[in-house]
Amino acid sequence: MPLPSESSFADAGRQAVAARLVELAQSHGMGIRVSADLQALLAALKIGDPIPIPAFAVVAEILFVILQANQHPSADGEAS
């Protein structure tokens, strides 16, 4: 049996992180939007790469939601 490739480990790690992010977002009442185009665009990026122009609006929306959550913590002390 051949060993899994390095990229298959990376893919498994990305899937685990993505699943955890979805779980956290849903547990805080945040909506999830699925976009195959955005997924493909972001999957091609590496940490430290510049944000591609087509992704600016989505990244801005994500940052806005995070900023709002940090400014309005829930009753248990966590950002909602």
Protein backbone atom coordinates (compact mmCIF):
# COMPACT_ATOMS: atom_id res chain seq x y z
CA MET A 1 0.00 0.00 0.00
CA PRO A 2 1.53 3.37 -0.98
CA LEU A 3 1.95 6.07 1.63
CA PRO A 4 -0.35 9.08 1.40
CA SER A 5 1.18 12.01 -0.40
CA GLU A 6 2.14 15.22 1.39
CA SER A 7 -0.65 17.03 -0.47
CA SER A 8 -3.25 14.54 0.78
CA PHE A 9 -2.17 15.34 4.36
CA ALA A 10 -2.49 19.04 3.60
CA ASP A 11 -5.94 18.50 2.07
CA ALA A 12 -7.06 16.55 5.14
CA GLY A 13 -5.79 19.35 7.37
CA ARG A 14 -7.64 21.99 5.34
CA GLN A 15 -10.84 19.96 5.52
CA ALA A 16 -10.52 19.59 9.29
CA VAL A 17 -9.93 23.33 9.74
CA ALA A 18 -12.83 24.18 7.42
CA ALA A 19 -15.15 21.81 9.29
CA ARG A 20 -14.17 23.39 12.62
CA LEU A 21 -14.73 26.91 11.27
CA VAL A 22 -18.21 25.93 10.04
CA GLU A 23 -18.97 24.33 13.41
CA LEU A 24 -17.87 27.46 15.30
CA ALA A 25 -19.77 29.80 12.98
CA GLN A 26 -22.98 27.78 13.29
CA SER A 27 -22.66 27.55 17.08
CA HIS A 28 -22.52 31.36 17.17
CA GLY A 29 -25.51 31.79 14.88
CA MET A 30 -23.48 32.92 11.88
CA GLY A 31 -24.67 32.11 8.39
CA ILE A 32 -22.61 29.96 6.07
CA ARG A 33 -22.50 30.62 2.36
CA VAL A 34 -21.11 27.96 0.04
CA SER A 35 -19.28 29.11 -3.09
CA ALA A 36 -17.31 26.66 -5.22
CA ASP A 37 -15.62 29.57 -7.02
CA LEU A 38 -14.48 31.18 -3.78
CA GLN A 39 -13.39 27.82 -2.39
CA ALA A 40 -11.20 27.20 -5.44
CA LEU A 41 -9.74 30.71 -5.25
CA LEU A 42 -8.88 30.45 -1.55
CA ALA A 43 -7.58 26.87 -1.83
CA ALA A 44 -4.93 28.08 -4.25
CA LEU A 45 -3.57 30.63 -1.75
CA LYS A 46 -0.73 30.13 0.66
CA ILE A 47 -0.32 32.01 3.95
CA GLY A 48 1.28 35.35 3.19
CA ASP A 49 0.02 35.52 -0.40
CA PRO A 50 -1.71 38.76 -1.36
CA ILE A 51 -5.51 38.60 -1.44
CA PRO A 52 -6.68 38.30 -5.06
CA ILE A 53 -8.88 41.20 -6.21
CA PRO A 54 -11.91 38.93 -6.82
CA ALA A 55 -11.80 37.93 -3.13
CA PHE A 56 -11.65 41.47 -1.66
CA ALA A 57 -15.40 41.79 -1.10
CA VAL A 58 -15.66 38.43 0.66
CA VAL A 59 -12.60 39.05 2.83
CA ALA A 60 -13.97 42.48 3.77
CA GLU A 61 -17.31 40.91 4.72
CA ILE A 62 -15.58 38.29 6.89
CA LEU A 63 -13.48 40.93 8.64
CA PHE A 64 -16.58 43.06 9.22
CA VAL A 65 -18.42 40.16 10.88
CA ILE A 66 -15.39 39.44 13.09
CA LEU A 67 -15.13 43.11 14.05
CA GLN A 68 -18.83 43.25 14.94
CA ALA A 69 -18.57 40.05 17.00
CA ASN A 70 -15.60 41.45 18.90
CA GLN A 71 -17.44 44.69 19.67
CA HIS A 72 -20.56 42.92 20.97
CA PRO A 73 -19.53 40.09 23.32
CA SER A 74 -22.20 37.65 24.43
CA ALA A 75 -23.33 37.29 28.06
CA ASP A 76 -20.84 34.47 28.72
CA GLY A 77 -17.91 36.74 27.86
CA GLU A 78 -17.26 35.28 24.42
CA ALA A 79 -17.69 37.29 21.26
CA SER A 80 -20.93 36.35 19.57
